[in-house]
Amino acid sequence: MSPFTQALLLATAFIAALGLTGALTGLSEVLPDIPNQRSMHNRVVARGGGLSFALAYLTAIVVALIYQPSYLSPTVVAAAGGSLCLTLLGLLDDRYQLPALNRLLAQALICSVAAYLGADDQLRLGGYIALEGWPALLVQVLWLVAMVNFVNFMDGMDGFAGGLALLTCVAFAVLFQLDSGVGAPELQSTGVYRLFQFAYAALGAGLIGFLLWNIPPARIFMGDAGSYFLGFALAFPVIAFPLRPAHDIAILTARILKPEEQPALFDQWTGFFLCLPFVIDPTLTLLRRLRSGASLLHAHREHLYQRMSQAGKRPLRILALFSLLFFLPGIAPVALRAASVAPGLALLVGFIVLCLCLLIHALLAKRFGARLANSGPSVRDHHSN
């Protein structure tokens, strides 16, 4: 696929997502998001807008396979099949409000099949602790299910989850493009890197089309169809692209002297750090609620971004702050590895970044929690699932 063809197809994905999202705004009676105790909006708004960018991603995979059938692999089948099934599950949840246990079991089943078919058979935690067989599969499934729900938790404000996902998709697409000449047999084939580069670029284009309808004040929400899909789409590459000892090679030198032997930049390690904005807030919020004895199944508005919103911060400012505090720091260890810094040093920087992000989040949550306790919330007209 030539660069011109790819650019034309990405423009088409944007226009199609923009038009489809606009058409879906009229479905407020079929797929209504009715305000509840967790909501920050006070009017009925259509949900299900996530169908637009989910279709952009899935269509991109189909188009890429039409151009190059050799790109087909179990990883691609798992990525497409898992995304499609979770989108449909989310759509059913949007329409019928499925019981929590039922949808969790369905998520686990879909993620288990996808991980079994398309994930790497080895999981290297931090590059040093290796898991194989069923322990690796268990961790992979837990990661997928967690991210499906984490993105759903973060879809609580106009333009917020979609904006963070757009940043992650751009980073994914850039790294897959840089890795498109790898094709090492112990990693993934060259075609898989190229297909994923196009798919995540198309997803980014679809997200832009959706966000033009979702920015404050939102005229449509992505709904569970969108958040379930996004959670899986962002989490799956983390388990599908292996972390191998090849990273001990000086990356920059390998790219210059022996491009055909260059190690991949995208793997389990880098993918995790690029997903930090969706991991830190839900994880610490759940831990905080566990410590206080609150039920994890009850609706609440205790996420940091929700507290900031109730304190009067505008959605786009909160998005900018989260991007600055939790997305950009995640790029640091990835950039160090791309600059041929020793893997051990890059890992240390990554650990420091993770600790700093956790500390910053805890301090901000405490600050805004105290502010809300001392004064009434200023709830604006934007969305919280």
Foldseek 3Di string as FASTA:
>chain_A
DDPVVLVVLLLVLLVQLLVVLVVQLVCLVQQWDDDDPQKLAHDITHAQSLVSLLCLLLVLLVVLCVVPVVLDALQSVLLNQLLVQQLVLQVCCSRPVDDPVVSLVVLLVSQLVSCVRFFDQWDQDLNHDIDGDPVLSVVLSVQLSLLLVLLLQQQFWFPASLVLLLVLLVVLLVLLVLCLLAQDPNWHGSSNSVSSNSSSSSSSSSSVSNSVQRHPVHSYGHGSSNSNSSSNNLSSQLRRTADDPLLQDQQVVCCVPPVHNHDGLDYNLLSVLQCQLSPQQVVVQVVVCVVVVHDPPDRDQLGLLSLVQQQPDHSVVSSVVSCVLRRVQSCVLSVCSNNRHGSVVSSVSNVVSVVSSNVVRVVSSVVSVVVCVVDPTDRDNTGGD
